[in-house]
């Protein structure tokens, strides 16, 4: 099974398009939360391949300011098409990155139609966004729950894990409601 961990930008597309005139986006921090998830998966002896896509770093180093969210994310996901992840997990740590999650979940479902999508991070834990295309959210500390989630997905077991909440592929549930 292949698991793609996606670090979404911590800035809005508007801030990105103005980056040359502003110092809003000058530093890229390593995606520590996703690196911890990868470590927990390996420590739990989950037999899967894990890769990291740092969308924020990719945007700052390779893309132009004229691209839209969907175009940027499709360009970022393109190298993983033949690898075909079974799970695409998004990290959204600040509310400015929330717009990226909406487009990220849609892009993942378009490019990898059989994948399971999940999101976690500070924004997801406290947010109330409606995210079509997102299957699950992880609220709170998700390292142990995510390892168990990956094991359940691999073994095609129903997901019943504290901190992991099902939204459904076409759900319009809000992140803070019980769906």
Foldseek 3Di string as FASTA:
>chain_A
DEEEEEEFDQAALVCLLCVVVDVPDDDDDPPVLVVLLVVLLVVVVPPYHYDYQYLNVCSVPPDHSVDDLLVSLLVSCVVCLVVQGQEYEYEHAHPNRVVSQQSNLVNCCVSRVNHAYEYEYNCLQPDFAFRANHFKYFHDRCNVVVSVVSVCVVVVHDRDGPRIATQDNGHRGTSPDRD
